[in-house]
PDB file of all heavy atoms in Angstrom:
ATOM      1  N   CYS A   1       8.199   1.216  12.280  1.00  0.00           N
ATOM      2  CA  CYS A   1       9.193   0.252  12.638  1.00  0.00           C
ATOM      3  C   CYS A   1      10.546   0.745  12.109  1.00  0.00           C
ATOM      4  O   CYS A   1      10.632   1.364  11.064  1.00  0.00           O
ATOM      5  CB  CYS A   1       8.776  -1.090  11.984  1.00  0.00           C
ATOM      6  SG  CYS A   1       9.945  -2.438  12.354  1.00  0.00           S
ATOM      7  N   ALA A   2      11.580   0.428  12.810  1.00  0.00           N
ATOM      8  CA  ALA A   2      12.933   0.902  12.476  1.00  0.00           C
ATOM      9  C   ALA A   2      13.629   0.139  11.424  1.00  0.00           C
ATOM     10  O   ALA A   2      14.704   0.490  10.981  1.00  0.00           O
ATOM     11  CB  ALA A   2      13.787   1.002  13.742  1.00  0.00           C
ATOM     12  N   SER A   3      13.023  -0.986  10.969  1.00  0.00           N
ATOM     13  CA  SER A   3      13.732  -1.861  10.003  1.00  0.00           C
ATOM     14  C   SER A   3      13.782  -1.197   8.613  1.00  0.00           C
ATOM     15  O   SER A   3      12.968  -0.299   8.287  1.00  0.00           O
ATOM     16  CB  SER A   3      13.061  -3.229   9.896  1.00  0.00           C
ATOM     17  OG  SER A   3      11.738  -3.074   9.537  1.00  0.00           O
ATOM     18  N   VAL A   4      14.707  -1.675   7.802  1.00  0.00           N
ATOM     19  CA  VAL A   4      15.069  -1.031   6.542  1.00  0.00           C
ATOM     20  C   VAL A   4      13.831  -0.826   5.577  1.00  0.00           C
ATOM     21  O   VAL A   4      13.652   0.261   5.108  1.00  0.00           O
ATOM     22  CB  VAL A   4      16.193  -1.820   5.797  1.00  0.00           C
ATOM     23  CG1 VAL A   4      16.396  -1.238   4.392  1.00  0.00           C
ATOM     24  CG2 VAL A   4      17.481  -1.711   6.634  1.00  0.00           C
ATOM     25  N   PRO A   5      13.022  -1.853   5.307  1.00  0.00           N
ATOM     26  CA  PRO A   5      11.977  -1.622   4.350  1.00  0.00           C
ATOM     27  C   PRO A   5      10.954  -0.587   4.773  1.00  0.00           C
ATOM     28  O   PRO A   5      10.386   0.112   3.965  1.00  0.00           O
ATOM     29  CB  PRO A   5      11.307  -3.009   4.183  1.00  0.00           C
ATOM     30  CG  PRO A   5      11.731  -3.837   5.350  1.00  0.00           C
ATOM     31  CD  PRO A   5      13.035  -3.309   5.769  1.00  0.00           C
ATOM     32  N   TYR A   6      10.753  -0.436   6.118  1.00  0.00           N
ATOM     33  CA  TYR A   6       9.875   0.600   6.590  1.00  0.00           C
ATOM     34  C   TYR A   6      10.480   2.004   6.329  1.00  0.00           C
ATOM     35  O   TYR A   6       9.789   2.946   5.972  1.00  0.00           O
ATOM     36  CB  TYR A   6       9.584   0.413   8.071  1.00  0.00           C
ATOM     37  CG  TYR A   6       8.681  -0.737   8.419  1.00  0.00           C
ATOM     38  CD1 TYR A   6       9.149  -2.041   8.390  1.00  0.00           C
ATOM     39  CD2 TYR A   6       7.328  -0.545   8.694  1.00  0.00           C
ATOM     40  CE1 TYR A   6       8.318  -3.119   8.614  1.00  0.00           C
ATOM     41  CE2 TYR A   6       6.489  -1.614   8.947  1.00  0.00           C
ATOM     42  CZ  TYR A   6       6.989  -2.881   8.951  1.00  0.00           C
ATOM     43  OH  TYR A   6       6.168  -3.976   9.174  1.00  0.00           O
ATOM     44  N   ASN A   7      11.794   2.107   6.499  1.00  0.00           N
ATOM     45  CA  ASN A   7      12.480   3.368   6.197  1.00  0.00           C
ATOM     46  C   ASN A   7      12.376   3.687   4.740  1.00  0.00           C
ATOM     47  O   ASN A   7      12.184   4.854   4.378  1.00  0.00           O
ATOM     48  CB  ASN A   7      13.943   3.266   6.654  1.00  0.00           C
ATOM     49  CG  ASN A   7      14.121   3.156   8.146  1.00  0.00           C
ATOM     50  OD1 ASN A   7      13.293   3.643   8.877  1.00  0.00           O
ATOM     51  ND2 ASN A   7      15.209   2.565   8.579  1.00  0.00           N
ATOM     52  N   VAL A   8      12.516   2.706   3.884  1.00  0.00           N
ATOM     53  CA  VAL A   8      12.398   2.886   2.440  1.00  0.00           C
ATOM     54  C   VAL A   8      10.952   3.349   2.104  1.00  0.00           C
ATOM     55  O   VAL A   8      10.772   4.327   1.333  1.00  0.00           O
ATOM     56  CB  VAL A   8      12.720   1.589   1.633  1.00  0.00           C
ATOM     57  CG1 VAL A   8      12.489   1.804   0.180  1.00  0.00           C
ATOM     58  CG2 VAL A   8      14.179   1.216   1.897  1.00  0.00           C
ATOM     59  N   PHE A   9       9.965   2.726   2.671  1.00  0.00           N
ATOM     60  CA  PHE A   9       8.574   3.110   2.491  1.00  0.00           C
ATOM     61  C   PHE A   9       8.408   4.593   2.855  1.00  0.00           C
ATOM     62  O   PHE A   9       7.791   5.386   2.110  1.00  0.00           O
ATOM     63  CB  PHE A   9       7.621   2.262   3.289  1.00  0.00           C
ATOM     64  CG  PHE A   9       6.230   2.755   3.170  1.00  0.00           C
ATOM     65  CD1 PHE A   9       5.399   2.321   2.129  1.00  0.00           C
ATOM     66  CD2 PHE A   9       5.686   3.622   4.111  1.00  0.00           C
ATOM     67  CE1 PHE A   9       4.074   2.794   2.035  1.00  0.00           C
ATOM     68  CE2 PHE A   9       4.392   4.101   4.031  1.00  0.00           C
ATOM     69  CZ  PHE A   9       3.584   3.671   2.996  1.00  0.00           C
ATOM     70  N   CYS A  10       8.936   4.982   4.003  1.00  0.00           N
ATOM     71  CA  CYS A  10       8.725   6.351   4.519  1.00  0.00           C
ATOM     72  C   CYS A  10       9.388   7.338   3.536  1.00  0.00           C
ATOM     73  O   CYS A  10       8.833   8.477   3.326  1.00  0.00           O
ATOM     74  CB  CYS A  10       9.285   6.501   5.896  1.00  0.00           C
ATOM     75  SG  CYS A  10       8.248   5.740   7.167  1.00  0.00           S
ATOM     76  N   GLU A  11      10.504   7.002   2.932  1.00  0.00           N
ATOM     77  CA  GLU A  11      11.162   7.888   1.999  1.00  0.00           C
ATOM     78  C   GLU A  11      10.345   8.070   0.790  1.00  0.00           C
ATOM     79  O   GLU A  11      10.171   9.209   0.265  1.00  0.00           O
ATOM     80  CB  GLU A  11      12.579   7.359   1.652  1.00  0.00           C
ATOM     81  CG  GLU A  11      13.586   7.444   2.811  1.00  0.00           C
ATOM     82  CD  GLU A  11      13.793   8.938   3.231  1.00  0.00           C
ATOM     83  OE1 GLU A  11      13.931   9.794   2.416  1.00  0.00           O
ATOM     84  OE2 GLU A  11      13.751   9.117   4.469  1.00  0.00           O
ATOM     85  N   TYR A  12       9.768   6.998   0.235  1.00  0.00           N
ATOM     86  CA  TYR A  12       8.909   7.119  -0.927  1.00  0.00           C
ATOM     87  C   TYR A  12       7.679   7.911  -0.596  1.00  0.00           C
ATOM     88  O   TYR A  12       7.125   8.713  -1.417  1.00  0.00           O
ATOM     89  CB  TYR A  12       8.516   5.746  -1.458  1.00  0.00           C
ATOM     90  CG  TYR A  12       9.549   5.131  -2.415  1.00  0.00           C
ATOM     91  CD1 TYR A  12      10.276   3.991  -2.015  1.00  0.00           C
ATOM     92  CD2 TYR A  12       9.801   5.610  -3.669  1.00  0.00           C
ATOM     93  CE1 TYR A  12      11.197   3.422  -2.836  1.00  0.00           C
ATOM     94  CE2 TYR A  12      10.729   5.075  -4.493  1.00  0.00           C
ATOM     95  CZ  TYR A  12      11.438   3.966  -4.108  1.00  0.00           C
ATOM     96  OH  TYR A  12      12.359   3.396  -4.909  1.00  0.00           O
ATOM     97  N   TYR A  13       7.149   7.686   0.595  1.00  0.00           N
ATOM     98  CA  TYR A  13       5.917   8.373   1.016  1.00  0.00           C
ATOM     99  C   TYR A  13       6.174   9.910   1.124  1.00  0.00           C
ATOM    100  O   TYR A  13       5.364  10.673   0.587  1.00  0.00           O
ATOM    101  CB  TYR A  13       5.488   7.853   2.421  1.00  0.00           C
ATOM    102  CG  TYR A  13       4.273   8.530   2.954  1.00  0.00           C
ATOM    103  CD1 TYR A  13       2.993   8.214   2.462  1.00  0.00           C
ATOM    104  CD2 TYR A  13       4.363   9.404   3.987  1.00  0.00           C
ATOM    105  CE1 TYR A  13       1.842   8.810   2.964  1.00  0.00           C
ATOM    106  CE2 TYR A  13       3.173  10.034   4.524  1.00  0.00           C
ATOM    107  CZ  TYR A  13       1.965   9.733   4.039  1.00  0.00           C
ATOM    108  OH  TYR A  13       0.843  10.363   4.479  1.00  0.00           O
ATOM    109  N   LYS A  14       7.276  10.291   1.672  1.00  0.00           N
ATOM    110  CA  LYS A  14       7.634  11.734   1.781  1.00  0.00           C
ATOM    111  C   LYS A  14       7.801  12.335   0.371  1.00  0.00           C
ATOM    112  O   LYS A  14       7.354  13.440   0.118  1.00  0.00           O
ATOM    113  CB  LYS A  14       8.901  11.933   2.602  1.00  0.00           C
ATOM    114  CG  LYS A  14       8.765  11.611   4.047  1.00  0.00           C
ATOM    115  CD  LYS A  14      10.128  11.653   4.760  1.00  0.00           C
ATOM    116  CE  LYS A  14      10.010  11.159   6.202  1.00  0.00           C
ATOM    117  NZ  LYS A  14      11.337  11.066   6.848  1.00  0.00           N
ATOM    118  N   LYS A  15       8.443  11.539  -0.510  1.00  0.00           N
ATOM    119  CA  LYS A  15       8.656  12.015  -1.892  1.00  0.00           C
ATOM    120  C   LYS A  15       7.314  12.259  -2.609  1.00  0.00           C
ATOM    121  O   LYS A  15       7.126  13.259  -3.287  1.00  0.00           O
ATOM    122  CB  LYS A  15       9.508  11.018  -2.637  1.00  0.00           C
ATOM    123  CG  LYS A  15       9.968  11.487  -4.015  1.00  0.00           C
ATOM    124  CD  LYS A  15      10.868  10.399  -4.617  1.00  0.00           C
ATOM    125  CE  LYS A  15      11.273  10.754  -6.056  1.00  0.00           C
ATOM    126  NZ  LYS A  15      12.128   9.707  -6.651  1.00  0.00           N
ATOM    127  N   ALA A  16       6.369  11.249  -2.425  1.00  0.00           N
ATOM    128  CA  ALA A  16       5.053  11.380  -3.082  1.00  0.00           C
ATOM    129  C   ALA A  16       4.273  12.582  -2.476  1.00  0.00           C
ATOM    130  O   ALA A  16       3.533  13.250  -3.183  1.00  0.00           O
ATOM    131  CB  ALA A  16       4.276  10.096  -2.904  1.00  0.00           C
ATOM    132  N   LEU A  17       4.450  12.810  -1.179  1.00  0.00           N
ATOM    133  CA  LEU A  17       3.777  13.997  -0.538  1.00  0.00           C
ATOM    134  C   LEU A  17       4.287  15.284  -1.156  1.00  0.00           C
ATOM    135  O   LEU A  17       3.465  16.168  -1.360  1.00  0.00           O
ATOM    136  CB  LEU A  17       4.068  13.993   0.977  1.00  0.00           C
ATOM    137  CG  LEU A  17       3.118  13.174   1.876  1.00  0.00           C
ATOM    138  CD1 LEU A  17       3.629  13.344   3.340  1.00  0.00           C
ATOM    139  CD2 LEU A  17       1.702  13.617   1.762  1.00  0.00           C
ATOM    140  N   THR A  18       5.553  15.414  -1.378  1.00  0.00           N
ATOM    141  CA  THR A  18       6.092  16.646  -1.928  1.00  0.00           C
ATOM    142  C   THR A  18       5.564  16.885  -3.391  1.00  0.00           C
ATOM    143  O   THR A  18       5.551  17.993  -3.852  1.00  0.00           O
ATOM    144  CB  THR A  18       7.641  16.666  -1.928  1.00  0.00           C
ATOM    145  OG1 THR A  18       8.122  15.596  -2.776  1.00  0.00           O
ATOM    146  CG2 THR A  18       8.150  16.476  -0.553  1.00  0.00           C
ATOM    147  N   LYS A  19       5.144  15.779  -4.054  1.00  0.00           N
ATOM    148  CA  LYS A  19       4.643  15.858  -5.389  1.00  0.00           C
ATOM    149  C   LYS A  19       3.107  15.948  -5.378  1.00  0.00           C
ATOM    150  O   LYS A  19       2.470  15.855  -6.438  1.00  0.00           O
ATOM    151  CB  LYS A  19       5.054  14.640  -6.221  1.00  0.00           C
ATOM    152  CG  LYS A  19       6.558  14.505  -6.456  1.00  0.00           C
ATOM    153  CD  LYS A  19       7.017  15.559  -7.429  1.00  0.00           C
ATOM    154  CE  LYS A  19       8.489  15.345  -7.751  1.00  0.00           C
ATOM    155  NZ  LYS A  19       8.995  16.349  -8.764  1.00  0.00           N
ATOM    156  N   ASN A  20       2.526  16.179  -4.181  1.00  0.00           N
ATOM    157  CA  ASN A  20       1.075  16.338  -4.026  1.00  0.00           C
ATOM    158  C   ASN A  20       0.259  15.118  -4.566  1.00  0.00           C
ATOM    159  O   ASN A  20      -0.729  15.318  -5.249  1.00  0.00           O
ATOM    160  CB  ASN A  20       0.628  17.626  -4.715  1.00  0.00           C
ATOM    161  CG  ASN A  20       1.248  18.856  -4.105  1.00  0.00           C
ATOM    162  OD1 ASN A  20       1.284  18.986  -2.898  1.00  0.00           O
ATOM    163  ND2 ASN A  20       1.744  19.741  -4.936  1.00  0.00           N
ATOM    164  N   GLN A  21       0.772  13.893  -4.269  1.00  0.00           N
ATOM    165  CA  GLN A  21       0.083  12.759  -4.681  1.00  0.00           C
ATOM    166  C   GLN A  21      -1.334  12.701  -4.144  1.00  0.00           C
ATOM    167  O   GLN A  21      -1.582  12.854  -2.915  1.00  0.00           O
ATOM    168  CB  GLN A  21       0.817  11.479  -4.195  1.00  0.00           C
ATOM    169  CG  GLN A  21       0.119  10.174  -4.426  1.00  0.00           C
ATOM    170  CD  GLN A  21      -0.042   9.865  -5.894  1.00  0.00           C
ATOM    171  OE1 GLN A  21       0.860  10.004  -6.636  1.00  0.00           O
ATOM    172  NE2 GLN A  21      -1.265   9.419  -6.299  1.00  0.00           N
ATOM    173  N   GLN A  22      -2.327  12.578  -5.041  1.00  0.00           N
ATOM    174  CA  GLN A  22      -3.707  12.488  -4.578  1.00  0.00           C
ATOM    175  C   GLN A  22      -4.048  11.121  -4.014  1.00  0.00           C
ATOM    176  O   GLN A  22      -3.478  10.095  -4.500  1.00  0.00           O
ATOM    177  CB  GLN A  22      -4.639  12.763  -5.785  1.00  0.00           C
ATOM    178  CG  GLN A  22      -4.491  14.193  -6.358  1.00  0.00           C
ATOM    179  CD  GLN A  22      -4.831  15.255  -5.342  1.00  0.00           C
ATOM    180  OE1 GLN A  22      -5.936  15.318  -4.850  1.00  0.00           O
ATOM    181  NE2 GLN A  22      -3.871  16.137  -5.088  1.00  0.00           N
ATOM    182  N   SER A  23      -4.904  11.046  -3.047  1.00  0.00           N
ATOM    183  CA  SER A  23      -5.330   9.778  -2.440  1.00  0.00           C
ATOM    184  C   SER A  23      -4.128   8.919  -2.077  1.00  0.00           C
ATOM    185  O   SER A  23      -4.070   7.694  -2.325  1.00  0.00           O
ATOM    186  CB  SER A  23      -6.253   8.968  -3.420  1.00  0.00           C
ATOM    187  OG  SER A  23      -7.372   9.726  -3.679  1.00  0.00           O
ATOM    188  N   ILE A  24      -3.140   9.552  -1.434  1.00  0.00           N
ATOM    189  CA  ILE A  24      -1.911   8.864  -1.095  1.00  0.00           C
ATOM    190  C   ILE A  24      -2.132   7.712  -0.128  1.00  0.00           C
ATOM    191  O   ILE A  24      -1.348   6.762  -0.093  1.00  0.00           O
ATOM    192  CB  ILE A  24      -0.893   9.890  -0.524  1.00  0.00           C
ATOM    193  CG1 ILE A  24       0.520   9.290  -0.534  1.00  0.00           C
ATOM    194  CG2 ILE A  24      -1.296  10.349   0.891  1.00  0.00           C
ATOM    195  CD1 ILE A  24       1.636  10.306  -0.265  1.00  0.00           C
ATOM    196  N   GLU A  25      -3.249   7.733   0.599  1.00  0.00           N
ATOM    197  CA  GLU A  25      -3.554   6.679   1.598  1.00  0.00           C
ATOM    198  C   GLU A  25      -4.250   5.481   0.955  1.00  0.00           C
ATOM    199  O   GLU A  25      -4.473   4.479   1.634  1.00  0.00           O
ATOM    200  CB  GLU A  25      -4.379   7.235   2.720  1.00  0.00           C
ATOM    201  CG  GLU A  25      -5.787   7.635   2.349  1.00  0.00           C
ATOM    202  CD  GLU A  25      -5.930   8.965   1.642  1.00  0.00           C
ATOM    203  OE1 GLU A  25      -4.902   9.693   1.461  1.00  0.00           O
ATOM    204  OE2 GLU A  25      -7.066   9.346   1.244  1.00  0.00           O
ATOM    205  N   ALA A  26      -4.647   5.583  -0.304  1.00  0.00           N
ATOM    206  CA  ALA A  26      -5.392   4.498  -0.935  1.00  0.00           C
ATOM    207  C   ALA A  26      -4.480   3.283  -1.193  1.00  0.00           C
ATOM    208  O   ALA A  26      -3.418   3.400  -1.796  1.00  0.00           O
ATOM    209  CB  ALA A  26      -5.940   4.944  -2.278  1.00  0.00           C
ATOM    210  N   ILE A  27      -4.890   2.170  -0.689  1.00  0.00           N
ATOM    211  CA  ILE A  27      -4.114   0.893  -0.811  1.00  0.00           C
ATOM    212  C   ILE A  27      -5.097  -0.189  -1.305  1.00  0.00           C
ATOM    213  O   ILE A  27      -6.194  -0.320  -0.817  1.00  0.00           O
ATOM    214  CB  ILE A  27      -3.377   0.534   0.479  1.00  0.00           C
ATOM    215  CG1 ILE A  27      -2.537  -0.705   0.323  1.00  0.00           C
ATOM    216  CG2 ILE A  27      -4.392   0.338   1.653  1.00  0.00           C
ATOM    217  CD1 ILE A  27      -1.626  -0.981   1.496  1.00  0.00           C
ATOM    218  N   PHE A  28      -4.611  -0.917  -2.294  1.00  0.00           N
ATOM    219  CA  PHE A  28      -5.434  -1.974  -2.875  1.00  0.00           C
ATOM    220  C   PHE A  28      -5.168  -3.276  -2.160  1.00  0.00           C
ATOM    221  O   PHE A  28      -4.004  -3.736  -2.089  1.00  0.00           O
ATOM    222  CB  PHE A  28      -5.166  -2.118  -4.371  1.00  0.00           C
ATOM    223  CG  PHE A  28      -5.589  -0.872  -5.144  1.00  0.00           C
ATOM    224  CD1 PHE A  28      -4.682   0.165  -5.315  1.00  0.00           C
ATOM    225  CD2 PHE A  28      -6.857  -0.773  -5.693  1.00  0.00           C
ATOM    226  CE1 PHE A  28      -5.039   1.337  -6.008  1.00  0.00           C
ATOM    227  CE2 PHE A  28      -7.237   0.395  -6.346  1.00  0.00           C
ATOM    228  CZ  PHE A  28      -6.325   1.465  -6.519  1.00  0.00           C
ATOM    229  N   ILE A  29      -6.202  -3.887  -1.600  1.00  0.00           N
ATOM    230  CA  ILE A  29      -6.052  -5.121  -0.828  1.00  0.00           C
ATOM    231  C   ILE A  29      -6.699  -6.242  -1.578  1.00  0.00           C
ATOM    232  O   ILE A  29      -7.825  -6.188  -2.011  1.00  0.00           O
ATOM    233  CB  ILE A  29      -6.786  -4.948   0.520  1.00  0.00           C
ATOM    234  CG1 ILE A  29      -6.227  -3.749   1.370  1.00  0.00           C
ATOM    235  CG2 ILE A  29      -6.683  -6.276   1.364  1.00  0.00           C
ATOM    236  CD1 ILE A  29      -4.849  -3.973   1.921  1.00  0.00           C
ATOM    237  N   SER A  30      -5.962  -7.311  -1.778  1.00  0.00           N
ATOM    238  CA  SER A  30      -6.442  -8.532  -2.410  1.00  0.00           C
ATOM    239  C   SER A  30      -6.527  -9.664  -1.384  1.00  0.00           C
ATOM    240  O   SER A  30      -5.592  -9.846  -0.600  1.00  0.00           O
ATOM    241  CB  SER A  30      -5.520  -8.980  -3.579  1.00  0.00           C
ATOM    242  OG  SER A  30      -5.530  -7.975  -4.618  1.00  0.00           O
ATOM    243  N   SER A  31      -7.642 -10.407  -1.451  1.00  0.00           N
ATOM    244  CA  SER A  31      -7.844 -11.491  -0.535  1.00  0.00           C
ATOM    245  C   SER A  31      -8.457 -12.688  -1.279  1.00  0.00           C
ATOM    246  O   SER A  31      -8.842 -12.576  -2.378  1.00  0.00           O
ATOM    247  CB  SER A  31      -8.810 -11.001   0.551  1.00  0.00           C
ATOM    248  OG  SER A  31     -10.079 -10.632  -0.024  1.00  0.00           O
ATOM    249  N   LEU A  32      -8.383 -13.814  -0.575  1.00  0.00           N
ATOM    250  CA  LEU A  32      -8.868 -15.071  -1.167  1.00  0.00           C
ATOM    251  C   LEU A  32     -10.186 -15.482  -0.503  1.00  0.00           C
ATOM    252  O   LEU A  32     -10.238 -15.600   0.755  1.00  0.00           O
ATOM    253  CB  LEU A  32      -7.827 -16.155  -0.965  1.00  0.00           C
ATOM    254  CG  LEU A  32      -8.267 -17.588  -1.446  1.00  0.00           C
ATOM    255  CD1 LEU A  32      -8.495 -17.619  -2.956  1.00  0.00           C
ATOM    256  CD2 LEU A  32      -7.200 -18.606  -1.070  1.00  0.00           C
ATOM    257  N   ASP A  33     -11.233 -15.730  -1.306  1.00  0.00           N
ATOM    258  CA  ASP A  33     -12.448 -16.362  -0.867  1.00  0.00           C
ATOM    259  C   ASP A  33     -12.300 -17.846  -0.986  1.00  0.00           C
ATOM    260  O   ASP A  33     -12.308 -18.372  -2.108  1.00  0.00           O
ATOM    261  CB  ASP A  33     -13.641 -15.826  -1.725  1.00  0.00           C
ATOM    262  CG  ASP A  33     -14.948 -16.399  -1.338  1.00  0.00           C
ATOM    263  OD1 ASP A  33     -14.978 -17.514  -0.697  1.00  0.00           O
ATOM    264  OD2 ASP A  33     -15.950 -15.871  -1.689  1.00  0.00           O
ATOM    265  N   THR A  34     -12.031 -18.505   0.119  1.00  0.00           N
ATOM    266  CA  THR A  34     -11.709 -19.946   0.052  1.00  0.00           C
ATOM    267  C   THR A  34     -12.928 -20.798  -0.332  1.00  0.00           C
ATOM    268  O   THR A  34     -12.760 -21.892  -0.864  1.00  0.00           O
ATOM    269  CB  THR A  34     -11.148 -20.464   1.393  1.00  0.00           C
ATOM    270  OG1 THR A  34     -12.095 -20.168   2.441  1.00  0.00           O
ATOM    271  CG2 THR A  34      -9.809 -19.793   1.726  1.00  0.00           C
ATOM    272  N   ASN A  35     -14.145 -20.267  -0.101  1.00  0.00           N
ATOM    273  CA  ASN A  35     -15.353 -21.017  -0.459  1.00  0.00           C
ATOM    274  C   ASN A  35     -15.597 -21.046  -1.959  1.00  0.00           C
ATOM    275  O   ASN A  35     -15.891 -22.037  -2.587  1.00  0.00           O
ATOM    276  CB  ASN A  35     -16.566 -20.433   0.258  1.00  0.00           C
ATOM    277  CG  ASN A  35     -16.507 -20.610   1.772  1.00  0.00           C
ATOM    278  OD1 ASN A  35     -16.075 -21.668   2.253  1.00  0.00           O
ATOM    279  ND2 ASN A  35     -16.871 -19.594   2.522  1.00  0.00           N
ATOM    280  N   ALA A  36     -15.413 -19.857  -2.596  1.00  0.00           N
ATOM    281  CA  ALA A  36     -15.649 -19.754  -4.043  1.00  0.00           C
ATOM    282  C   ALA A  36     -14.351 -19.969  -4.796  1.00  0.00           C
ATOM    283  O   ALA A  36     -14.343 -20.081  -6.029  1.00  0.00           O
ATOM    284  CB  ALA A  36     -16.181 -18.380  -4.395  1.00  0.00           C
ATOM    285  N   ASN A  37     -13.202 -20.078  -4.063  1.00  0.00           N
ATOM    286  CA  ASN A  37     -11.854 -20.182  -4.703  1.00  0.00           C
ATOM    287  C   ASN A  37     -11.639 -19.047  -5.723  1.00  0.00           C
ATOM    288  O   ASN A  37     -11.159 -19.247  -6.801  1.00  0.00           O
ATOM    289  CB  ASN A  37     -11.712 -21.541  -5.364  1.00  0.00           C
ATOM    290  CG  ASN A  37     -10.239 -21.890  -5.629  1.00  0.00           C
ATOM    291  OD1 ASN A  37      -9.397 -21.511  -4.874  1.00  0.00           O
ATOM    292  ND2 ASN A  37      -9.973 -22.653  -6.693  1.00  0.00           N
ATOM    293  N   GLU A  38     -11.950 -17.822  -5.233  1.00  0.00           N
ATOM    294  CA  GLU A  38     -11.771 -16.619  -6.038  1.00  0.00           C
ATOM    295  C   GLU A  38     -10.987 -15.597  -5.278  1.00  0.00           C
ATOM    296  O   GLU A  38     -11.065 -15.493  -4.020  1.00  0.00           O
ATOM    297  CB  GLU A  38     -13.096 -16.002  -6.417  1.00  0.00           C
ATOM    298  CG  GLU A  38     -13.955 -16.805  -7.377  1.00  0.00           C
ATOM    299  CD  GLU A  38     -15.267 -16.124  -7.678  1.00  0.00           C
ATOM    300  OE1 GLU A  38     -15.745 -15.280  -6.861  1.00  0.00           O
ATOM    301  OE2 GLU A  38     -15.862 -16.420  -8.745  1.00  0.00           O
ATOM    302  N   VAL A  39     -10.246 -14.815  -6.034  1.00  0.00           N
ATOM    303  CA  VAL A  39      -9.472 -13.699  -5.459  1.00  0.00           C
ATOM    304  C   VAL A  39     -10.262 -12.405  -5.710  1.00  0.00           C
ATOM    305  O   VAL A  39     -10.827 -12.203  -6.794  1.00  0.00           O
ATOM    306  CB  VAL A  39      -8.083 -13.577  -6.082  1.00  0.00           C
ATOM    307  CG1 VAL A  39      -7.317 -12.354  -5.529  1.00  0.00           C
ATOM    308  CG2 VAL A  39      -7.269 -14.855  -5.748  1.00  0.00           C
ATOM    309  N   ASP A  40     -10.313 -11.556  -4.686  1.00  0.00           N
ATOM    310  CA  ASP A  40     -11.010 -10.250  -4.838  1.00  0.00           C
ATOM    311  C   ASP A  40     -10.022  -9.130  -4.461  1.00  0.00           C
ATOM    312  O   ASP A  40      -9.134  -9.341  -3.607  1.00  0.00           O
ATOM    313  CB  ASP A  40     -12.197 -10.197  -3.830  1.00  0.00           C
ATOM    314  CG  ASP A  40     -13.572 -10.248  -4.509  1.00  0.00           C
ATOM    315  OD1 ASP A  40     -13.592  -9.828  -5.728  1.00  0.00           O
ATOM    316  OD2 ASP A  40     -14.536 -10.644  -3.885  1.00  0.00           O
ATOM    317  N   SER A  41     -10.267  -7.977  -5.074  1.00  0.00           N
ATOM    318  CA  SER A  41      -9.441  -6.806  -4.727  1.00  0.00           C
ATOM    319  C   SER A  41     -10.334  -5.589  -4.535  1.00  0.00           C
ATOM    320  O   SER A  41     -11.429  -5.538  -5.099  1.00  0.00           O
ATOM    321  CB  SER A  41      -8.442  -6.485  -5.860  1.00  0.00           C
ATOM    322  OG  SER A  41      -7.564  -7.561  -6.054  1.00  0.00           O
ATOM    323  N   ARG A  42      -9.900  -4.697  -3.662  1.00  0.00           N
ATOM    324  CA  ARG A  42     -10.604  -3.439  -3.424  1.00  0.00           C
ATOM    325  C   ARG A  42      -9.645  -2.439  -2.874  1.00  0.00           C
ATOM    326  O   ARG A  42      -8.580  -2.763  -2.301  1.00  0.00           O
ATOM    327  CB  ARG A  42     -11.838  -3.624  -2.512  1.00  0.00           C
ATOM    328  CG  ARG A  42     -11.534  -3.717  -1.047  1.00  0.00           C
ATOM    329  CD  ARG A  42     -10.858  -4.981  -0.633  1.00  0.00           C
ATOM    330  NE  ARG A  42     -11.824  -6.097  -0.708  1.00  0.00           N
ATOM    331  CZ  ARG A  42     -11.460  -7.346  -0.734  1.00  0.00           C
ATOM    332  NH1 ARG A  42     -10.177  -7.694  -0.660  1.00  0.00           N
ATOM    333  NH2 ARG A  42     -12.352  -8.308  -0.800  1.00  0.00           N
TER     334      ARG A  42
END
């Protein structure tokens, strides 16, 4: 996307790539289990 925060993300991503960041694609996702009323992350 051409909007500003996407451009900022891409700049940080390129910078991390040049520093050989391991598992650069790993993203931690948190969600809500509405039945148990608990938050989970993975």
